[in-house]
Amino acid sequence: LMCIVFVFASNVCQGRPSDPQNVKTYDIDLSLDPAKRWNEVLEDHKQFLPAILDMVKSYVPERFLPMVQRIAVDIEHILPSPFAQEIIGAADYWGLNVGDCILMNILYDVTAYCTSIV
């Protein structure tokens, strides 16, 4: 989820690849509550959220949205700790439902040809 925010914000919202940008770095304290450890990053990128969410939803067929919401209900049983708590924390912080955060995470995984869970 954080990766899609970074990719979108740095490549789409702030400039062209040929237009070098200074990129802020973060120290993420993994000893913090997983639901809160990303709050600084989330805050710094919340201005991009509406555009990111619109883009994500434009790629996902409407018929798949109920399935994503079912996953969201059981996320803590599907993903291991701390990943589920991080996604839930991001959703809470941004005032989204967990399904929207799952969509952002899945779309990043599919489009970047890698996983955001390492």
PDB file of N, CA and C in Angstrom:
ATOM      1  N   LEU A   1       0.823  -1.194   0.000  1.00  0.00           N
ATOM      2  CA  LEU A   1       0.000   0.000   0.000  1.00  0.00           C
ATOM      3  C   LEU A   1       0.861   1.250   0.000  1.00  0.00           C
ATOM      4  N   MET A   2       1.863   1.277   0.853  1.00  0.00           N
ATOM      5  CA  MET A   2       2.716   2.458   0.897  1.00  0.00           C
ATOM      6  C   MET A   2       3.452   2.634  -0.418  1.00  0.00           C
ATOM      7  N   CYS A   3       3.810   1.518  -1.057  1.00  0.00           N
ATOM      8  CA  CYS A   3       4.548   1.603  -2.314  1.00  0.00           C
ATOM      9  C   CYS A   3       3.720   2.269  -3.398  1.00  0.00           C
ATOM     10  N   ILE A   4       2.431   1.928  -3.497  1.00  0.00           N
ATOM     11  CA  ILE A   4       1.606   2.547  -4.534  1.00  0.00           C
ATOM     12  C   ILE A   4       1.472   4.042  -4.278  1.00  0.00           C
ATOM     13  N   VAL A   5       1.391   4.439  -3.029  1.00  0.00           N
ATOM     14  CA  VAL A   5       1.331   5.861  -2.707  1.00  0.00           C
ATOM     15  C   VAL A   5       2.602   6.555  -3.171  1.00  0.00           C
ATOM     16  N   PHE A   6       3.754   5.974  -2.859  1.00  0.00           N
ATOM     17  CA  PHE A   6       5.030   6.566  -3.261  1.00  0.00           C
ATOM     18  C   PHE A   6       5.152   6.644  -4.776  1.00  0.00           C
ATOM     19  N   VAL A   7       4.839   5.556  -5.466  1.00  0.00           N
ATOM     20  CA  VAL A   7       4.974   5.525  -6.917  1.00  0.00           C
ATOM     21  C   VAL A   7       4.064   6.569  -7.548  1.00  0.00           C
ATOM     22  N   PHE A   8       2.822   6.602  -7.118  1.00  0.00           N
ATOM     23  CA  PHE A   8       1.875   7.552  -7.690  1.00  0.00           C
ATOM     24  C   PHE A   8       2.308   8.981  -7.395  1.00  0.00           C
ATOM     25  N   ALA A   9       2.627   9.258  -6.157  1.00  0.00           N
ATOM     26  CA  ALA A   9       2.978  10.619  -5.769  1.00  0.00           C
ATOM     27  C   ALA A   9       4.250  11.109  -6.447  1.00  0.00           C
ATOM     28  N   SER A  10       5.234  10.264  -6.556  1.00  0.00           N
ATOM     29  CA  SER A  10       6.500  10.711  -7.125  1.00  0.00           C
ATOM     30  C   SER A  10       6.489  10.753  -8.645  1.00  0.00           C
ATOM     31  N   ASN A  11       5.763   9.856  -9.284  1.00  0.00           N
ATOM     32  CA  ASN A  11       5.796   9.786 -10.742  1.00  0.00           C
ATOM     33  C   ASN A  11       4.648  10.510 -11.430  1.00  0.00           C
ATOM     34  N   VAL A  12       3.507  10.584 -10.806  1.00  0.00           N
ATOM     35  CA  VAL A  12       2.349  11.152 -11.469  1.00  0.00           C
ATOM     36  C   VAL A  12       2.045  12.561 -10.978  1.00  0.00           C
ATOM     37  N   CYS A  13       2.063  12.764  -9.692  1.00  0.00           N
ATOM     38  CA  CYS A  13       1.600  14.022  -9.140  1.00  0.00           C
ATOM     39  C   CYS A  13       2.674  15.104  -9.074  1.00  0.00           C
ATOM     40  N   GLN A  14       3.910  14.746  -8.911  1.00  0.00           N
ATOM     41  CA  GLN A  14       4.910  15.760  -8.628  1.00  0.00           C
ATOM     42  C   GLN A  14       5.846  16.056  -9.789  1.00  0.00           C
ATOM     43  N   GLY A  15       5.809  15.336 -10.844  1.00  0.00           N
ATOM     44  CA  GLY A  15       6.714  15.641 -11.927  1.00  0.00           C
ATOM     45  C   GLY A  15       6.870  14.497 -12.897  1.00  0.00           C
ATOM     46  N   ARG A  16       7.643  14.760 -13.916  1.00  0.00           N
ATOM     47  CA  ARG A  16       7.934  13.762 -14.930  1.00  0.00           C
ATOM     48  C   ARG A  16       9.208  13.027 -14.534  1.00  0.00           C
ATOM     49  N   PRO A  17       9.425  11.802 -15.054  1.00  0.00           N
ATOM     50  CA  PRO A  17      10.681  11.104 -14.748  1.00  0.00           C
ATOM     51  C   PRO A  17      11.913  11.907 -15.158  1.00  0.00           C
ATOM     52  N   SER A  18      11.775  12.759 -16.182  1.00  0.00           N
ATOM     53  CA  SER A  18      12.902  13.575 -16.613  1.00  0.00           C
ATOM     54  C   SER A  18      13.063  14.833 -15.763  1.00  0.00           C
ATOM     55  N   ASP A  19      12.165  15.039 -14.820  1.00  0.00           N
ATOM     56  CA  ASP A  19      12.194  16.203 -13.941  1.00  0.00           C
ATOM     57  C   ASP A  19      12.593  15.733 -12.538  1.00  0.00           C
ATOM     58  N   PRO A  20      13.901  15.687 -12.245  1.00  0.00           N
ATOM     59  CA  PRO A  20      14.362  15.132 -10.959  1.00  0.00           C
ATOM     60  C   PRO A  20      13.712  15.823  -9.751  1.00  0.00           C
ATOM     61  N   GLN A  21      13.359  15.022  -8.782  1.00  0.00           N
ATOM     62  CA  GLN A  21      12.720  15.508  -7.558  1.00  0.00           C
ATOM     63  C   GLN A  21      13.509  15.022  -6.350  1.00  0.00           C
ATOM     64  N   ASN A  22      13.543  15.827  -5.318  1.00  0.00           N
ATOM     65  CA  ASN A  22      14.070  15.354  -4.048  1.00  0.00           C
ATOM     66  C   ASN A  22      12.995  14.501  -3.403  1.00  0.00           C
ATOM     67  N   VAL A  23      13.370  13.353  -2.931  1.00  0.00           N
ATOM     68  CA  VAL A  23      12.416  12.433  -2.330  1.00  0.00           C
ATOM     69  C   VAL A  23      12.685  12.380  -0.831  1.00  0.00           C
ATOM     70  N   LYS A  24      11.644  12.611  -0.061  1.00  0.00           N
ATOM     71  CA  LYS A  24      11.768  12.546   1.393  1.00  0.00           C
ATOM     72  C   LYS A  24      11.981  11.099   1.813  1.00  0.00           C
ATOM     73  N   THR A  25      12.847  10.898   2.767  1.00  0.00           N
ATOM     74  CA  THR A  25      13.047   9.556   3.307  1.00  0.00           C
ATOM     75  C   THR A  25      12.431   9.485   4.693  1.00  0.00           C
ATOM     76  N   TYR A  26      12.093   8.285   5.089  1.00  0.00           N
ATOM     77  CA  TYR A  26      11.447   8.057   6.370  1.00  0.00           C
ATOM     78  C   TYR A  26      12.180   6.960   7.126  1.00  0.00           C
ATOM     79  N   ASP A  27      12.220   7.096   8.430  1.00  0.00           N
ATOM     80  CA  ASP A  27      12.671   6.019   9.303  1.00  0.00           C
ATOM     81  C   ASP A  27      11.420   5.442   9.943  1.00  0.00           C
ATOM     82  N   ILE A  28      11.098   4.215   9.599  1.00  0.00           N
ATOM     83  CA  ILE A  28       9.903   3.558  10.135  1.00  0.00           C
ATOM     84  C   ILE A  28      10.334   2.705  11.315  1.00  0.00           C
ATOM     85  N   ASP A  29       9.798   3.024  12.473  1.00  0.00           N
ATOM     86  CA  ASP A  29      10.114   2.301  13.701  1.00  0.00           C
ATOM     87  C   ASP A  29       9.213   1.075  13.790  1.00  0.00           C
ATOM     88  N   LEU A  30       9.776  -0.078  13.497  1.00  0.00           N
ATOM     89  CA  LEU A  30       8.993  -1.311  13.483  1.00  0.00           C
ATOM     90  C   LEU A  30       8.589  -1.776  14.876  1.00  0.00           C
ATOM     91  N   SER A  31       9.087  -1.115  15.918  1.00  0.00           N
ATOM     92  CA  SER A  31       8.646  -1.471  17.266  1.00  0.00           C
ATOM     93  C   SER A  31       7.329  -0.768  17.627  1.00  0.00           C
ATOM     94  N   LEU A  32       6.902   0.198  16.808  1.00  0.00           N
ATOM     95  CA  LEU A  32       5.624   0.876  17.048  1.00  0.00           C
ATOM     96  C   LEU A  32       4.457  -0.036  16.683  1.00  0.00           C
ATOM     97  N   ASP A  33       3.295   0.301  17.193  1.00  0.00           N
ATOM     98  CA  ASP A  33       2.066  -0.400  16.842  1.00  0.00           C
ATOM     99  C   ASP A  33       1.940  -0.424  15.311  1.00  0.00           C
ATOM    100  N   PRO A  34       1.766  -1.608  14.703  1.00  0.00           N
ATOM    101  CA  PRO A  34       1.671  -1.685  13.244  1.00  0.00           C
ATOM    102  C   PRO A  34       0.590  -0.780  12.652  1.00  0.00           C
ATOM    103  N   ALA A  35      -0.479  -0.554  13.379  1.00  0.00           N
ATOM    104  CA  ALA A  35      -1.566   0.290  12.880  1.00  0.00           C
ATOM    105  C   ALA A  35      -1.183   1.768  12.849  1.00  0.00           C
ATOM    106  N   LYS A  36      -0.076   2.134  13.503  1.00  0.00           N
ATOM    107  CA  LYS A  36       0.304   3.549  13.591  1.00  0.00           C
ATOM    108  C   LYS A  36       1.681   3.860  13.014  1.00  0.00           C
ATOM    109  N   ARG A  37       2.483   2.854  12.718  1.00  0.00           N
ATOM    110  CA  ARG A  37       3.879   3.104  12.328  1.00  0.00           C
ATOM    111  C   ARG A  37       4.028   3.855  11.011  1.00  0.00           C
ATOM    112  N   TRP A  38       3.006   3.849  10.172  1.00  0.00           N
ATOM    113  CA  TRP A  38       3.072   4.523   8.877  1.00  0.00           C
ATOM    114  C   TRP A  38       2.379   5.884   8.870  1.00  0.00           C
ATOM    115  N   ASN A  39       1.928   6.371  10.022  1.00  0.00           N
ATOM    116  CA  ASN A  39       1.124   7.597  10.054  1.00  0.00           C
ATOM    117  C   ASN A  39       1.814   8.818   9.442  1.00  0.00           C
ATOM    118  N   GLU A  40       3.111   8.968   9.660  1.00  0.00           N
ATOM    119  CA  GLU A  40       3.806  10.120   9.079  1.00  0.00           C
ATOM    120  C   GLU A  40       3.784  10.050   7.551  1.00  0.00           C
ATOM    121  N   VAL A  41       4.013   8.882   7.008  1.00  0.00           N
ATOM    122  CA  VAL A  41       3.984   8.702   5.560  1.00  0.00           C
ATOM    123  C   VAL A  41       2.572   8.955   5.031  1.00  0.00           C
ATOM    124  N   LEU A  42       1.585   8.408   5.715  1.00  0.00           N
ATOM    125  CA  LEU A  42       0.195   8.582   5.298  1.00  0.00           C
ATOM    126  C   LEU A  42      -0.194  10.059   5.309  1.00  0.00           C
ATOM    127  N   GLU A  43       0.203  10.762   6.337  1.00  0.00           N
ATOM    128  CA  GLU A  43      -0.114  12.188   6.441  1.00  0.00           C
ATOM    129  C   GLU A  43       0.529  12.979   5.309  1.00  0.00           C
ATOM    130  N   ASP A  44       1.777  12.690   5.028  1.00  0.00           N
ATOM    131  CA  ASP A  44       2.507  13.431   3.993  1.00  0.00           C
ATOM    132  C   ASP A  44       1.955  13.196   2.591  1.00  0.00           C
ATOM    133  N   HIS A  45       1.220  12.118   2.399  1.00  0.00           N
ATOM    134  CA  HIS A  45       0.728  11.781   1.062  1.00  0.00           C
ATOM    135  C   HIS A  45      -0.794  11.798   0.949  1.00  0.00           C
ATOM    136  N   LYS A  46      -1.482  12.284   1.971  1.00  0.00           N
ATOM    137  CA  LYS A  46      -2.948  12.228   1.940  1.00  0.00           C
ATOM    138  C   LYS A  46      -3.549  13.094   0.840  1.00  0.00           C
ATOM    139  N   GLN A  47      -2.830  14.109   0.393  1.00  0.00           N
ATOM    140  CA  GLN A  47      -3.353  14.955  -0.680  1.00  0.00           C
ATOM    141  C   GLN A  47      -3.513  14.190  -1.993  1.00  0.00           C
ATOM    142  N   PHE A  48      -2.770  13.107  -2.141  1.00  0.00           N
ATOM    143  CA  PHE A  48      -2.834  12.317  -3.368  1.00  0.00           C
ATOM    144  C   PHE A  48      -3.898  11.227  -3.312  1.00  0.00           C
ATOM    145  N   LEU A  49      -4.461  10.993  -2.145  1.00  0.00           N
ATOM    146  CA  LEU A  49      -5.378   9.875  -1.947  1.00  0.00           C
ATOM    147  C   LEU A  49      -6.570   9.876  -2.902  1.00  0.00           C
ATOM    148  N   PRO A  50      -7.298  10.982  -3.079  1.00  0.00           N
ATOM    149  CA  PRO A  50      -8.455  10.920  -3.995  1.00  0.00           C
ATOM    150  C   PRO A  50      -8.072  10.480  -5.408  1.00  0.00           C
ATOM    151  N   ALA A  51      -6.972  11.003  -5.926  1.00  0.00           N
ATOM    152  CA  ALA A  51      -6.547  10.635  -7.284  1.00  0.00           C
ATOM    153  C   ALA A  51      -6.106   9.175  -7.346  1.00  0.00           C
ATOM    154  N   ILE A  52      -5.405   8.728  -6.315  1.00  0.00           N
ATOM    155  CA  ILE A  52      -4.954   7.331  -6.295  1.00  0.00           C
ATOM    156  C   ILE A  52      -6.155   6.398  -6.252  1.00  0.00           C
ATOM    157  N   LEU A  53      -7.096   6.693  -5.387  1.00  0.00           N
ATOM    158  CA  LEU A  53      -8.269   5.828  -5.245  1.00  0.00           C
ATOM    159  C   LEU A  53      -9.098   5.808  -6.529  1.00  0.00           C
ATOM    160  N   ASP A  54      -9.257   6.959  -7.170  1.00  0.00           N
ATOM    161  CA  ASP A  54      -9.980   6.995  -8.449  1.00  0.00           C
ATOM    162  C   ASP A  54      -9.280   6.152  -9.498  1.00  0.00           C
ATOM    163  N   MET A  55      -7.942   6.264  -9.551  1.00  0.00           N
ATOM    164  CA  MET A  55      -7.177   5.493 -10.523  1.00  0.00           C
ATOM    165  C   MET A  55      -7.338   3.991 -10.259  1.00  0.00           C
ATOM    166  N   VAL A  56      -7.206   3.603  -8.998  1.00  0.00           N
ATOM    167  CA  VAL A  56      -7.314   2.192  -8.636  1.00  0.00           C
ATOM    168  C   VAL A  56      -8.687   1.653  -9.018  1.00  0.00           C
ATOM    169  N   LYS A  57      -9.725   2.371  -8.661  1.00  0.00           N
ATOM    170  CA  LYS A  57     -11.088   1.896  -8.939  1.00  0.00           C
ATOM    171  C   LYS A  57     -11.381   1.863 -10.435  1.00  0.00           C
ATOM    172  N   SER A  58     -10.687   2.679 -11.218  1.00  0.00           N
ATOM    173  CA  SER A  58     -10.911   2.653 -12.668  1.00  0.00           C
ATOM    174  C   SER A  58     -10.358   1.375 -13.301  1.00  0.00           C
ATOM    175  N   TYR A  59      -9.425   0.712 -12.629  1.00  0.00           N
ATOM    176  CA  TYR A  59      -8.832  -0.516 -13.150  1.00  0.00           C
ATOM    177  C   TYR A  59      -9.553  -1.784 -12.688  1.00  0.00           C
ATOM    178  N   VAL A  60     -10.361  -1.666 -11.669  1.00  0.00           N
ATOM    179  CA  VAL A  60     -11.001  -2.850 -11.083  1.00  0.00           C
ATOM    180  C   VAL A  60     -12.460  -2.920 -11.531  1.00  0.00           C
ATOM    181  N   PRO A  61     -12.822  -4.009 -12.207  1.00  0.00           N
ATOM    182  CA  PRO A  61     -14.221  -4.156 -12.614  1.00  0.00           C
ATOM    183  C   PRO A  61     -15.162  -4.133 -11.396  1.00  0.00           C
ATOM    184  N   GLU A  62     -16.263  -3.491 -11.556  1.00  0.00           N
ATOM    185  CA  GLU A  62     -17.256  -3.314 -10.477  1.00  0.00           C
ATOM    186  C   GLU A  62     -17.651  -4.651  -9.830  1.00  0.00           C
ATOM    187  N   ARG A  63     -17.703  -5.703 -10.624  1.00  0.00           N
ATOM    188  CA  ARG A  63     -18.158  -7.002 -10.094  1.00  0.00           C
ATOM    189  C   ARG A  63     -17.188  -7.599  -9.070  1.00  0.00           C
ATOM    190  N   PHE A  64     -15.943  -7.119  -9.035  1.00  0.00           N
ATOM    191  CA  PHE A  64     -14.966  -7.636  -8.085  1.00  0.00           C
ATOM    192  C   PHE A  64     -14.993  -6.916  -6.728  1.00  0.00           C
ATOM    193  N   LEU A  65     -15.636  -5.768  -6.667  1.00  0.00           N
ATOM    194  CA  LEU A  65     -15.630  -4.989  -5.424  1.00  0.00           C
ATOM    195  C   LEU A  65     -16.255  -5.728  -4.243  1.00  0.00           C
ATOM    196  N   PRO A  66     -17.378  -6.439  -4.409  1.00  0.00           N
ATOM    197  CA  PRO A  66     -17.915  -7.188  -3.264  1.00  0.00           C
ATOM    198  C   PRO A  66     -16.939  -8.249  -2.743  1.00  0.00           C
ATOM    199  N   MET A  67     -16.178  -8.874  -3.640  1.00  0.00           N
ATOM    200  CA  MET A  67     -15.211  -9.879  -3.219  1.00  0.00           C
ATOM    201  C   MET A  67     -14.112  -9.227  -2.368  1.00  0.00           C
ATOM    202  N   VAL A  68     -13.677  -8.054  -2.763  1.00  0.00           N
ATOM    203  CA  VAL A  68     -12.647  -7.342  -2.000  1.00  0.00           C
ATOM    204  C   VAL A  68     -13.183  -6.982  -0.616  1.00  0.00           C
ATOM    205  N   GLN A  69     -14.424  -6.590  -0.539  1.00  0.00           N
ATOM    206  CA  GLN A  69     -15.012  -6.256   0.759  1.00  0.00           C
ATOM    207  C   GLN A  69     -15.105  -7.486   1.663  1.00  0.00           C
ATOM    208  N   ARG A  70     -15.371  -8.658   1.074  1.00  0.00           N
ATOM    209  CA  ARG A  70     -15.396  -9.899   1.871  1.00  0.00           C
ATOM    210  C   ARG A  70     -14.004 -10.214   2.407  1.00  0.00           C
ATOM    211  N   ILE A  71     -12.976  -9.984   1.576  1.00  0.00           N
ATOM    212  CA  ILE A  71     -11.600 -10.183   2.037  1.00  0.00           C
ATOM    213  C   ILE A  71     -11.300  -9.231   3.188  1.00  0.00           C
ATOM    214  N   ALA A  72     -11.755  -8.003   3.053  1.00  0.00           N
ATOM    215  CA  ALA A  72     -11.483  -6.989   4.076  1.00  0.00           C
ATOM    216  C   ALA A  72     -12.024  -7.402   5.442  1.00  0.00           C
ATOM    217  N   VAL A  73     -13.183  -8.038   5.441  1.00  0.00           N
ATOM    218  CA  VAL A  73     -13.787  -8.470   6.708  1.00  0.00           C
ATOM    219  C   VAL A  73     -12.901  -9.484   7.421  1.00  0.00           C
ATOM    220  N   ASP A  74     -12.226 -10.343   6.656  1.00  0.00           N
ATOM    221  CA  ASP A  74     -11.404 -11.413   7.228  1.00  0.00           C
ATOM    222  C   ASP A  74      -9.902 -11.159   7.104  1.00  0.00           C
ATOM    223  N   ILE A  75      -9.506  -9.935   6.859  1.00  0.00           N
ATOM    224  CA  ILE A  75      -8.099  -9.654   6.558  1.00  0.00           C
ATOM    225  C   ILE A  75      -7.147 -10.162   7.642  1.00  0.00           C
ATOM    226  N   GLU A  76      -7.560 -10.082   8.895  1.00  0.00           N
ATOM    227  CA  GLU A  76      -6.654 -10.524   9.964  1.00  0.00           C
ATOM    228  C   GLU A  76      -6.474 -12.041   9.975  1.00  0.00           C
ATOM    229  N   HIS A  77      -7.380 -12.765   9.309  1.00  0.00           N
ATOM    230  CA  HIS A  77      -7.244 -14.217   9.187  1.00  0.00           C
ATOM    231  C   HIS A  77      -6.557 -14.614   7.884  1.00  0.00           C
ATOM    232  N   ILE A  78      -6.455 -13.664   6.956  1.00  0.00           N
ATOM    233  CA  ILE A  78      -5.871 -13.947   5.641  1.00  0.00           C
ATOM    234  C   ILE A  78      -4.400 -13.547   5.588  1.00  0.00           C
ATOM    235  N   LEU A  79      -4.101 -12.361   6.073  1.00  0.00           N
ATOM    236  CA  LEU A  79      -2.715 -11.879   6.068  1.00  0.00           C
ATOM    237  C   LEU A  79      -2.085 -12.067   7.439  1.00  0.00           C
ATOM    238  N   PRO A  80      -0.814 -12.396   7.450  1.00  0.00           N
ATOM    239  CA  PRO A  80      -0.142 -12.533   8.749  1.00  0.00           C
ATOM    240  C   PRO A  80       0.112 -11.158   9.378  1.00  0.00           C
ATOM    241  N   SER A  81       0.358 -11.197  10.669  1.00  0.00           N
ATOM    242  CA  SER A  81       0.737  -9.989  11.388  1.00  0.00           C
ATOM    243  C   SER A  81       2.162  -9.639  10.974  1.00  0.00           C
ATOM    244  N   PRO A  82       2.467  -8.417  10.795  1.00  0.00           N
ATOM    245  CA  PRO A  82       1.766  -7.176  11.080  1.00  0.00           C
ATOM    246  C   PRO A  82       1.065  -6.574   9.866  1.00  0.00           C
ATOM    247  N   PHE A  83       1.054  -7.280   8.721  1.00  0.00           N
ATOM    248  CA  PHE A  83       0.558  -6.692   7.482  1.00  0.00           C
ATOM    249  C   PHE A  83      -0.918  -6.313   7.558  1.00  0.00           C
ATOM    250  N   ALA A  84      -1.733  -7.170   8.115  1.00  0.00           N
ATOM    251  CA  ALA A  84      -3.162  -6.861   8.235  1.00  0.00           C
ATOM    252  C   ALA A  84      -3.370  -5.623   9.093  1.00  0.00           C
ATOM    253  N   GLN A  85      -2.654  -5.538  10.207  1.00  0.00           N
ATOM    254  CA  GLN A  85      -2.801  -4.384  11.095  1.00  0.00           C
ATOM    255  C   GLN A  85      -2.336  -3.088  10.422  1.00  0.00           C
ATOM    256  N   GLU A  86      -1.305  -3.181   9.587  1.00  0.00           N
ATOM    257  CA  GLU A  86      -0.837  -1.986   8.869  1.00  0.00           C
ATOM    258  C   GLU A  86      -1.897  -1.497   7.887  1.00  0.00           C
ATOM    259  N   ILE A  87      -2.524  -2.415   7.163  1.00  0.00           N
ATOM    260  CA  ILE A  87      -3.564  -2.030   6.200  1.00  0.00           C
ATOM    261  C   ILE A  87      -4.777  -1.469   6.930  1.00  0.00           C
ATOM    262  N   ILE A  88      -5.173  -2.104   8.011  1.00  0.00           N
ATOM    263  CA  ILE A  88      -6.298  -1.605   8.806  1.00  0.00           C
ATOM    264  C   ILE A  88      -5.971  -0.219   9.366  1.00  0.00           C
ATOM    265  N   GLY A  89      -4.743  -0.037   9.845  1.00  0.00           N
ATOM    266  CA  GLY A  89      -4.325   1.257  10.372  1.00  0.00           C
ATOM    267  C   GLY A  89      -4.352   2.346   9.314  1.00  0.00           C
ATOM    268  N   ALA A  90      -3.904   2.021   8.094  1.00  0.00           N
ATOM    269  CA  ALA A  90      -3.940   2.993   6.995  1.00  0.00           C
ATOM    270  C   ALA A  90      -5.372   3.360   6.653  1.00  0.00           C
ATOM    271  N   ALA A  91      -6.239   2.368   6.604  1.00  0.00           N
ATOM    272  CA  ALA A  91      -7.652   2.639   6.318  1.00  0.00           C
ATOM    273  C   ALA A  91      -8.250   3.543   7.387  1.00  0.00           C
ATOM    274  N   ASP A  92      -7.993   3.241   8.643  1.00  0.00           N
ATOM    275  CA  ASP A  92      -8.508   4.076   9.736  1.00  0.00           C
ATOM    276  C   ASP A  92      -7.966   5.495   9.654  1.00  0.00           C
ATOM    277  N   TYR A  93      -6.669   5.620   9.414  1.00  0.00           N
ATOM    278  CA  TYR A  93      -6.047   6.935   9.375  1.00  0.00           C
ATOM    279  C   TYR A  93      -6.627   7.801   8.263  1.00  0.00           C
ATOM    280  N   TRP A  94      -6.821   7.196   7.089  1.00  0.00           N
ATOM    281  CA  TRP A  94      -7.341   7.930   5.942  1.00  0.00           C
ATOM    282  C   TRP A  94      -8.863   7.998   5.914  1.00  0.00           C
ATOM    283  N   GLY A  95      -9.531   7.293   6.828  1.00  0.00           N
ATOM    284  CA  GLY A  95     -10.993   7.298   6.841  1.00  0.00           C
ATOM    285  C   GLY A  95     -11.591   6.499   5.687  1.00  0.00           C
ATOM    286  N   LEU A  96     -10.892   5.463   5.267  1.00  0.00           N
ATOM    287  CA  LEU A  96     -11.367   4.598   4.185  1.00  0.00           C
ATOM    288  C   LEU A  96     -11.858   3.275   4.751  1.00  0.00           C
ATOM    289  N   ASN A  97     -12.560   2.527   3.914  1.00  0.00           N
ATOM    290  CA  ASN A  97     -12.840   1.165   4.335  1.00  0.00           C
ATOM    291  C   ASN A  97     -11.614   0.326   3.981  1.00  0.00           C
ATOM    292  N   VAL A  98     -11.438  -0.765   4.668  1.00  0.00           N
ATOM    293  CA  VAL A  98     -10.264  -1.624   4.492  1.00  0.00           C
ATOM    294  C   VAL A  98     -10.202  -2.161   3.065  1.00  0.00           C
ATOM    295  N   GLY A  99     -11.344  -2.412   2.459  1.00  0.00           N
ATOM    296  CA  GLY A  99     -11.372  -2.912   1.085  1.00  0.00           C
ATOM    297  C   GLY A  99     -10.688  -1.972   0.109  1.00  0.00           C
ATOM    298  N   ASP A 100     -10.842  -0.656   0.289  1.00  0.00           N
ATOM    299  CA  ASP A 100     -10.181   0.296  -0.596  1.00  0.00           C
ATOM    300  C   ASP A 100      -8.663   0.213  -0.457  1.00  0.00           C
ATOM    301  N   CYS A 101      -8.183   0.031   0.756  1.00  0.00           N
ATOM    302  CA  CYS A 101      -6.738  -0.117   0.960  1.00  0.00           C
ATOM    303  C   CYS A 101      -6.229  -1.426   0.365  1.00  0.00           C
ATOM    304  N   ILE A 102      -7.029  -2.471   0.462  1.00  0.00           N
ATOM    305  CA  ILE A 102      -6.652  -3.749  -0.154  1.00  0.00           C
ATOM    306  C   ILE A 102      -6.566  -3.590  -1.675  1.00  0.00           C
ATOM    307  N   LEU A 103      -7.526  -2.872  -2.255  1.00  0.00           N
ATOM    308  CA  LEU A 103      -7.487  -2.637  -3.704  1.00  0.00           C
ATOM    309  C   LEU A 103      -6.203  -1.924  -4.114  1.00  0.00           C
ATOM    310  N   MET A 104      -5.825  -0.900  -3.364  1.00  0.00           N
ATOM    311  CA  MET A 104      -4.596  -0.174  -3.688  1.00  0.00           C
ATOM    312  C   MET A 104      -3.394  -1.102  -3.596  1.00  0.00           C
ATOM    313  N   ASN A 105      -3.376  -1.943  -2.595  1.00  0.00           N
ATOM    314  CA  ASN A 105      -2.257  -2.865  -2.403  1.00  0.00           C
ATOM    315  C   ASN A 105      -2.187  -3.892  -3.530  1.00  0.00           C
ATOM    316  N   ILE A 106      -3.320  -4.469  -3.884  1.00  0.00           N
ATOM    317  CA  ILE A 106      -3.358  -5.481  -4.940  1.00  0.00           C
ATOM    318  C   ILE A 106      -2.970  -4.871  -6.283  1.00  0.00           C
ATOM    319  N   LEU A 107      -3.494  -3.690  -6.592  1.00  0.00           N
ATOM    320  CA  LEU A 107      -3.171  -3.082  -7.871  1.00  0.00           C
ATOM    321  C   LEU A 107      -1.680  -2.788  -7.968  1.00  0.00           C
ATOM    322  N   TYR A 108      -1.074  -2.352  -6.894  1.00  0.00           N
ATOM    323  CA  TYR A 108       0.369  -2.136  -6.918  1.00  0.00           C
ATOM    324  C   TYR A 108       1.098  -3.454  -7.189  1.00  0.00           C
ATOM    325  N   ASP A 109       0.700  -4.495  -6.489  1.00  0.00           N
ATOM    326  CA  ASP A 109       1.357  -5.785  -6.666  1.00  0.00           C
ATOM    327  C   ASP A 109       1.269  -6.258  -8.121  1.00  0.00           C
ATOM    328  N   VAL A 110       0.119  -6.070  -8.746  1.00  0.00           N
ATOM    329  CA  VAL A 110      -0.097  -6.526 -10.111  1.00  0.00           C
ATOM    330  C   VAL A 110       0.647  -5.649 -11.109  1.00  0.00           C
ATOM    331  N   THR A 111       0.611  -4.344 -10.938  1.00  0.00           N
ATOM    332  CA  THR A 111       1.199  -3.445 -11.931  1.00  0.00           C
ATOM    333  C   THR A 111       2.699  -3.282 -11.783  1.00  0.00           C
ATOM    334  N   ALA A 112       3.242  -3.490 -10.609  1.00  0.00           N
ATOM    335  CA  ALA A 112       4.685  -3.310 -10.396  1.00  0.00           C
ATOM    336  C   ALA A 112       5.443  -4.636 -10.540  1.00  0.00           C
ATOM    337  N   TYR A 113       4.718  -5.713 -10.767  1.00  0.00           N
ATOM    338  CA  TYR A 113       5.317  -7.044 -10.922  1.00  0.00           C
ATOM    339  C   TYR A 113       6.160  -7.445  -9.706  1.00  0.00           C
ATOM    340  N   CYS A 114       5.716  -7.042  -8.574  1.00  0.00           N
ATOM    341  CA  CYS A 114       6.375  -7.456  -7.341  1.00  0.00           C
ATOM    342  C   CYS A 114       5.352  -7.384  -6.221  1.00  0.00           C
ATOM    343  N   THR A 115       5.792  -7.723  -5.055  1.00  0.00           N
ATOM    344  CA  THR A 115       4.889  -7.693  -3.922  1.00  0.00           C
ATOM    345  C   THR A 115       5.289  -6.588  -2.965  1.00  0.00           C
ATOM    346  N   SER A 116       4.301  -5.978  -2.341  1.00  0.00           N
ATOM    347  CA  SER A 116       4.590  -4.954  -1.345  1.00  0.00           C
ATOM    348  C   SER A 116       4.795  -5.602   0.017  1.00  0.00           C
ATOM    349  N   ILE A 117       4.528  -6.895   0.106  1.00  0.00           N
ATOM    350  CA  ILE A 117       4.783  -7.629   1.349  1.00  0.00           C
ATOM    351  C   ILE A 117       6.083  -8.397   1.148  1.00  0.00           C
ATOM    352  N   VAL A 118       7.099  -7.981   1.844  1.00  0.00           N
ATOM    353  CA  VAL A 118       8.427  -8.580   1.663  1.00  0.00           C
ATOM    354  C   VAL A 118       8.754  -9.445   2.854  1.00  0.00           C
TER     355      VAL A 118
END
